[in-house]
Structure formats: C-alpha cells, structure tokens
C-alpha atoms as a PDB file:
ATOM      1  CA  MET A   1       4.044 -14.319  -0.242  1.00  0.00           C
ATOM      2  CA  LEU A   2       1.397 -12.845  -1.450  1.00  0.00           C
ATOM      3  CA  ILE A   3      -2.249 -12.568  -0.166  1.00  0.00           C
ATOM      4  CA  HIS A   4      -4.816 -11.918  -2.390  1.00  0.00           C
ATOM      5  CA  GLY A   5      -8.685 -11.440  -1.838  1.00  0.00           C
ATOM      6  CA  ALA A   6     -10.561 -11.307   1.129  1.00  0.00           C
ATOM      7  CA  ARG A   7      -7.454 -12.884   2.930  1.00  0.00           C
ATOM      8  CA  ARG A   8      -5.649  -9.707   2.018  1.00  0.00           C
ATOM      9  CA  GLU A   9      -8.480  -7.635   3.000  1.00  0.00           C
ATOM     10  CA  ALA A  10      -8.754  -9.045   6.302  1.00  0.00           C
ATOM     11  CA  VAL A  11      -4.854  -9.148   7.141  1.00  0.00           C
ATOM     12  CA  VAL A  12      -4.883  -5.151   5.996  1.00  0.00           C
ATOM     13  CA  SER A  13      -8.089  -4.613   8.220  1.00  0.00           C
ATOM     14  CA  ASP A  14      -6.419  -6.156  11.351  1.00  0.00           C
ATOM     15  CA  LEU A  15      -3.181  -4.341  10.832  1.00  0.00           C
ATOM     16  CA  MET A  16      -5.116  -1.109  10.406  1.00  0.00           C
ATOM     17  CA  ALA A  17      -7.089  -1.563  13.474  1.00  0.00           C
ATOM     18  CA  ARG A  18      -3.869  -2.579  15.678  1.00  0.00           C
ATOM     19  CA  LEU A  19      -2.089   0.557  14.054  1.00  0.00           C
ATOM     20  CA  ARG A  20      -4.633   2.510  15.387  1.00  0.00           C
ATOM     21  CA  THR A  21      -4.941   1.128  19.063  1.00  0.00           C
ATOM     22  CA  GLY A  22      -1.352   0.998  19.117  1.00  0.00           C
ATOM     23  CA  ASP A  23      -1.233  -3.091  19.258  1.00  0.00           C
ATOM     24  CA  VAL A  24       1.832  -4.009  16.627  1.00  0.00           C
ATOM     25  CA  GLU A  25       3.378  -6.597  19.289  1.00  0.00           C
ATOM     26  CA  SER A  26       2.013  -9.428  17.479  1.00  0.00           C
ATOM     27  CA  PHE A  27       3.168  -8.599  14.213  1.00  0.00           C
ATOM     28  CA  GLU A  28       6.218  -7.037  15.164  1.00  0.00           C
ATOM     29  CA  ARG A  29       6.942 -10.360  17.005  1.00  0.00           C
ATOM     30  CA  ARG A  30       5.827 -12.587  13.309  1.00  0.00           C
ATOM     31  CA  GLY A  31       8.383 -10.093  11.416  1.00  0.00           C
ATOM     32  CA  ARG A  32      11.304 -10.804  14.057  1.00  0.00           C
ATOM     33  CA  LEU A  33      10.595 -14.487  13.603  1.00  0.00           C
ATOM     34  CA  ALA A  34      10.353 -14.518  10.283  1.00  0.00           C
ATOM     35  CA  ARG A  35      13.340 -12.557   9.366  1.00  0.00           C
ATOM     36  CA  GLY A  36      15.271 -13.185  12.472  1.00  0.00           C
ATOM     37  CA  LYS A  37      15.448  -9.481  13.436  1.00  0.00           C
ATOM     38  CA  ALA A  38      14.463  -7.321  16.845  1.00  0.00           C
ATOM     39  CA  MET A  39      12.071  -4.147  16.427  1.00  0.00           C
ATOM     40  CA  ALA A  40      14.960  -1.326  16.227  1.00  0.00           C
ATOM     41  CA  VAL A  41      13.503   1.709  18.279  1.00  0.00           C
ATOM     42  CA  LYS A  42      15.789   2.847  20.838  1.00  0.00           C
ATOM     43  CA  ALA A  43      15.605   5.834  23.461  1.00  0.00           C
ATOM     44  CA  GLY A  44      18.588   7.690  24.902  1.00  0.00           C
ATOM     45  CA  VAL A  45      19.601   9.109  22.066  1.00  0.00           C
ATOM     46  CA  HIS A  46      19.882  12.867  21.119  1.00  0.00           C
ATOM     47  CA  ILE A  47      20.165  15.044  18.090  1.00  0.00           C
ATOM     48  CA  ILE A  48      22.171  18.064  17.819  1.00  0.00           C
ATOM     49  CA  ASN A  49      22.051  20.931  15.356  1.00  0.00           C
ATOM     50  CA  ARG A  50      25.677  21.679  14.995  1.00  0.00           C
ATOM     51  CA  SER A  51      25.005  24.202  12.719  1.00  0.00           C
ATOM     52  CA  ARG A  52      23.246  26.445  15.456  1.00  0.00           C
ATOM     53  CA  GLY A  53      24.919  24.738  18.742  1.00  0.00           C
ATOM     54  CA  VAL A  54      21.768  23.777  20.290  1.00  0.00           C
ATOM     55  CA  VAL A  55      20.092  20.165  20.982  1.00  0.00           C
ATOM     56  CA  ILE A  56      17.081  19.992  19.033  1.00  0.00           C
ATOM     57  CA  ALA A  57      15.945  16.560  20.797  1.00  0.00           C
ATOM     58  CA  ASP A  58      17.001  15.085  23.892  1.00  0.00           C
ATOM     59  CA  HIS A  59      14.824  12.179  24.211  1.00  0.00           C
ATOM     60  CA  VAL A  60      15.202  10.529  20.768  1.00  0.00           C
ATOM     61  CA  GLU A  61      13.501   7.026  19.499  1.00  0.00           C
ATOM     62  CA  VAL A  62      15.211   5.440  16.374  1.00  0.00           C
ATOM     63  CA  ALA A  63      12.858   3.603  14.378  1.00  0.00           C
ATOM     64  CA  THR A  64      14.421   1.425  11.409  1.00  0.00           C
ATOM     65  CA  SER A  65      12.597  -1.835  11.473  1.00  0.00           C
ATOM     66  CA  PHE A  66       9.506  -1.907   9.015  1.00  0.00           C
ATOM     67  CA  TRP A  67       6.813  -2.043  11.573  1.00  0.00           C
ATOM     68  CA  ALA A  68       8.535   0.700  13.569  1.00  0.00           C
ATOM     69  CA  ARG A  69       8.972   3.023  11.108  1.00  0.00           C
ATOM     70  CA  GLY A  70       5.103   2.037   9.935  1.00  0.00           C
ATOM     71  CA  ARG A  71       3.759   2.641  13.351  1.00  0.00           C
ATOM     72  CA  GLY A  72       5.855   6.096  14.062  1.00  0.00           C
ATOM     73  CA  LEU A  73       3.745   8.557  16.198  1.00  0.00           C
ATOM     74  CA  ILE A  74       0.360   6.836  16.044  1.00  0.00           C
ATOM     75  CA  GLY A  75      -1.414   6.449  19.011  1.00  0.00           C
ATOM     76  CA  ARG A  76       0.648   9.086  21.069  1.00  0.00           C
ATOM     77  CA  ARG A  77      -1.760  12.072  22.219  1.00  0.00           C
ATOM     78  CA  ARG A  78       0.978  14.518  23.276  1.00  0.00           C
ATOM     79  CA  LEU A  79       4.634  14.495  22.694  1.00  0.00           C
ATOM     80  CA  PRO A  80       7.066  15.990  25.519  1.00  0.00           C
ATOM     81  CA  SER A  81       9.399  19.003  24.563  1.00  0.00           C
ATOM     82  CA  GLY A  82      12.687  17.582  23.340  1.00  0.00           C
ATOM     83  CA  PHE A  83      11.368  14.604  21.902  1.00  0.00           C
ATOM     84  CA  GLY A  84      12.242  13.255  18.394  1.00  0.00           C
ATOM     85  CA  LEU A  85      11.212  10.286  16.442  1.00  0.00           C
ATOM     86  CA  VAL A  86      14.272   9.258  14.129  1.00  0.00           C
ATOM     87  CA  ILE A  87      13.008   7.081  11.053  1.00  0.00           C
ATOM     88  CA  LYS A  88      15.281   5.586   8.736  1.00  0.00           C
ATOM     89  CA  PRO A  89      15.313   5.085   5.875  1.00  0.00           C
ATOM     90  CA  CYS A  90      12.282   7.856   5.218  1.00  0.00           C
ATOM     91  CA  ARG A  91      11.949   9.711   1.659  1.00  0.00           C
ATOM     92  CA  ALA A  92       8.296  10.864   2.844  1.00  0.00           C
ATOM     93  CA  ILE A  93       5.845  10.961   5.863  1.00  0.00           C
ATOM     94  CA  HIS A  94       2.304  10.808   6.611  1.00  0.00           C
ATOM     95  CA  THR A  95       0.149  12.047   9.591  1.00  0.00           C
ATOM     96  CA  PHE A  96      -2.539   9.595   9.244  1.00  0.00           C
ATOM     97  CA  PHE A  97      -4.214   8.035  12.444  1.00  0.00           C
ATOM     98  CA  MET A  98      -2.458  10.759  14.427  1.00  0.00           C
ATOM     99  CA  SER A  99      -3.782  13.501  16.501  1.00  0.00           C
ATOM    100  CA  ILE A 100      -1.495  15.753  16.862  1.00  0.00           C
ATOM    101  CA  PRO A 101       0.320  18.259  14.812  1.00  0.00           C
ATOM    102  CA  ILE A 102       4.400  17.622  14.102  1.00  0.00           C
ATOM    103  CA  ASP A 103       7.177  19.458  12.657  1.00  0.00           C
ATOM    104  CA  VAL A 104       9.351  17.099  10.327  1.00  0.00           C
ATOM    105  CA  ALA A 105      12.905  17.672   9.427  1.00  0.00           C
ATOM    106  CA  HIS A 106      14.283  15.429   6.319  1.00  0.00           C
ATOM    107  CA  VAL A 107      17.849  14.662   6.370  1.00  0.00           C
ATOM    108  CA  ASP A 108      20.172  13.506   3.691  1.00  0.00           C
ATOM    109  CA  ARG A 109      23.008  11.268   4.180  1.00  0.00           C
ATOM    110  CA  ASP A 110      25.532  13.352   5.211  1.00  0.00           C
ATOM    111  CA  GLY A 111      23.410  15.142   8.045  1.00  0.00           C
ATOM    112  CA  HIS A 112      22.521  18.185   5.913  1.00  0.00           C
ATOM    113  CA  ILE A 113      18.565  19.087   6.345  1.00  0.00           C
ATOM    114  CA  VAL A 114      17.218  19.144   2.884  1.00  0.00           C
ATOM    115  CA  ARG A 115      13.528  20.322   4.266  1.00  0.00           C
ATOM    116  CA  ILE A 116      11.639  21.143   6.806  1.00  0.00           C
ATOM    117  CA  LEU A 117       7.691  20.678   7.488  1.00  0.00           C
ATOM    118  CA  HIS A 118       6.590  22.961   9.869  1.00  0.00           C
ATOM    119  CA  GLU A 119       3.366  21.954  11.887  1.00  0.00           C
ATOM    120  CA  ILE A 120       1.756  19.137   9.890  1.00  0.00           C
ATOM    121  CA  PRO A 121      -1.693  18.825  10.851  1.00  0.00           C
ATOM    122  CA  PRO A 122      -2.773  15.313  11.675  1.00  0.00           C
ATOM    123  CA  TRP A 123      -4.222  13.205   8.279  1.00  0.00           C
ATOM    124  CA  ARG A 124      -1.998  14.395   5.879  1.00  0.00           C
ATOM    125  CA  LEU A 125       0.775  12.825   3.406  1.00  0.00           C
ATOM    126  CA  GLY A 126       4.066  14.426   2.871  1.00  0.00           C
ATOM    127  CA  SER A 127       5.625  14.778  -0.266  1.00  0.00           C
ATOM    128  CA  LEU A 128       8.369  12.544  -1.291  1.00  0.00           C
ATOM    129  CA  VAL A 129      11.769  14.442  -0.896  1.00  0.00           C
ATOM    130  CA  PRO A 130      14.434  13.657  -3.164  1.00  0.00           C
ATOM    131  CA  GLY A 131      18.011  13.313  -1.022  1.00  0.00           C
ATOM    132  CA  SER A 132      16.109  12.460   2.312  1.00  0.00           C
ATOM    133  CA  THR A 133      17.877   9.474   3.867  1.00  0.00           C
ATOM    134  CA  TRP A 134      16.167  10.028   6.977  1.00  0.00           C
ATOM    135  CA  VAL A 135      13.553  12.110   9.106  1.00  0.00           C
ATOM    136  CA  VAL A 136      13.349  13.792  12.530  1.00  0.00           C
ATOM    137  CA  GLU A 137       9.710  13.880  13.880  1.00  0.00           C
ATOM    138  CA  MET A 138       9.353  16.675  16.648  1.00  0.00           C
ATOM    139  CA  PRO A 139       6.711  18.373  18.178  1.00  0.00           C
ATOM    140  CA  ALA A 140       5.103  21.275  16.587  1.00  0.00           C
ATOM    141  CA  GLY A 141       6.924  24.567  16.720  1.00  0.00           C
ATOM    142  CA  THR A 142      10.424  22.405  17.782  1.00  0.00           C
ATOM    143  CA  ALA A 143      11.998  23.511  14.507  1.00  0.00           C
ATOM    144  CA  ARG A 144      11.276  27.559  14.630  1.00  0.00           C
ATOM    145  CA  ALA A 145      12.155  27.156  18.638  1.00  0.00           C
ATOM    146  CA  THR A 146      15.413  25.982  18.143  1.00  0.00           C
ATOM    147  CA  GLY A 147      16.369  28.218  14.923  1.00  0.00           C
ATOM    148  CA  THR A 148      16.825  24.646  12.657  1.00  0.00           C
ATOM    149  CA  GLN A 149      17.165  26.051   9.012  1.00  0.00           C
ATOM    150  CA  VAL A 150      17.385  24.072   5.732  1.00  0.00           C
ATOM    151  CA  GLY A 151      21.002  23.417   5.007  1.00  0.00           C
ATOM    152  CA  ASP A 152      21.747  22.982   8.964  1.00  0.00           C
ATOM    153  CA  VAL A 153      23.812  19.981   9.782  1.00  0.00           C
ATOM    154  CA  VAL A 154      22.285  17.628  12.534  1.00  0.00           C
ATOM    155  CA  GLU A 155      23.660  14.396  14.040  1.00  0.00           C
ATOM    156  CA  LEU A 156      22.675  11.852  16.378  1.00  0.00           C
ATOM    157  CA  PRO A 157      26.059  11.129  18.526  1.00  0.00           C
ATOM    158  CA  GLY A 158      26.518   7.238  18.955  1.00  0.00           C
ATOM    159  CA  ARG A 159      24.550   6.611  15.960  1.00  0.00           C
ATOM    160  CA  ALA A 160      27.436   6.854  12.947  1.00  0.00           C
ATOM    161  CA  SER A 161      24.986   4.665  10.449  1.00  0.00           C
ATOM    162  CA  LEU A 162      22.730   7.586  10.174  1.00  0.00           C
ATOM    163  CA  THR A 163      25.069   9.985   9.524  1.00  0.00           C
ATOM    164  CA  SER A 164      27.934   7.971   8.311  1.00  0.00           C
ATOM    165  CA  ASN A 165      30.439  10.758   7.198  1.00  0.00           C
ATOM    166  CA  GLN A 166      30.235  12.163  10.760  1.00  0.00           C
ATOM    167  CA  PRO A 167      32.458  11.476  14.008  1.00  0.00           C
ATOM    168  CA  ASP A 168      31.002  10.612  17.322  1.00  0.00           C
ATOM    169  CA  ARG A 169      30.961  13.364  19.695  1.00  0.00           C
ATOM    170  CA  SER A 170      28.883  12.104  22.175  1.00  0.00           C
ATOM    171  CA  SER A 171      31.545  13.320  25.047  1.00  0.00           C
ATOM    172  CA  GLN A 172      30.476  17.083  24.331  1.00  0.00           C
ATOM    173  CA  ARG A 173      27.677  18.491  25.745  1.00  0.00           C
ATOM    174  CA  LEU A 174      25.521  21.346  24.151  1.00  0.00           C
ATOM    175  CA  PRO A 175      23.125  23.332  25.639  1.00  0.00           C
ATOM    176  CA  ARG A 176      19.233  23.136  25.551  1.00  0.00           C
ATOM    177  CA  ASN A 177      17.934  26.064  23.516  1.00  0.00           C
ATOM    178  CA  ALA A 178      15.764  28.092  26.407  1.00  0.00           C
ATOM    179  CA  SER A 179      13.279  29.257  23.745  1.00  0.00           C
END
C-alpha cells in the first residue's frame, strides 16, 4: 500500500514523534497484525569475542523486526556497562534522535568483525559497510575497553541464526574484561 501527499506526511510525522518519545507500540502492534509476526527484541543473550576470550556484552537485546531495528537505542538516556543491541539485518547505522555516543561493531555472516566505529556522537549517519550482515551497538568505549578489533570473531551463544556457521557454546563461561 502506497501513501501519497498529505496523508504520507502525516504518517511520517506521527511515526517520527512516536520514535522520539519511545512510543512505537501502536505501530508494532499494527505491524504484528498485518504480518502475523511478533516484535523480535530479546534480552538475556550475551556477546563473546572468541578471538580475545572476553565477554563484550552480558546484557544483549536483539532487534530483528522492522520496527525494533528502526527504534534501536532511540530514547535511551544512558547505556549500562555490559549492554549491547544486536541489529540484524544491518549494513549501516544512524544515531538520529539519540542523546548518547555509541560504539558500533559491524559483523559479517561468519561472525568476523569487518568494521568498528568508535564513539559515534548523536545525530550522525554511518556509511554503508560492505559485507556487514549485523551490528552490535554498545556504550561508547566498550570496543577499546575489551580490546575488540577488526577481524575478531564474535558470537551470540544460542543465537545460531546470527552466526550460522558457528556452534552453540552457551555452556562455556568467559570472564568479563575488568577494564
């Protein structure tokens, strides 16, 4: 369904206002009813940097639905240490309507980090990253603090759909980096 003219402007304006205030529930509900899918944001997952042997984030949310990916971190005033938002699919990010800087790791389908963006300030548009299939958005400084670099292998135990070529190692525990 295409929306034209004044109706389109009203819908876009309403959506932007809801994104700024964090009220996207009605749009998500409308989307679920139309597509028969629930919003795919899940907590309780952790991200492991297998190359360095550290946990990058021990509280992770996974956003795979259109609305969850669009909302991202909008409306959050701060991110706790150990937090990460995985957005899949994703090849480029933005920090519009955000009030905090973030680190972003672009990851390919095999779990290799292809680019890291350090301390991206609010109201910026990231470039398209070839080869990136998903990203991890983290509090600013997390990538440096954990020693995470381009080429490292990361995984989300129990989330085989994100790193399909890697086995589930959720029973193995790694120490959180003390930095």
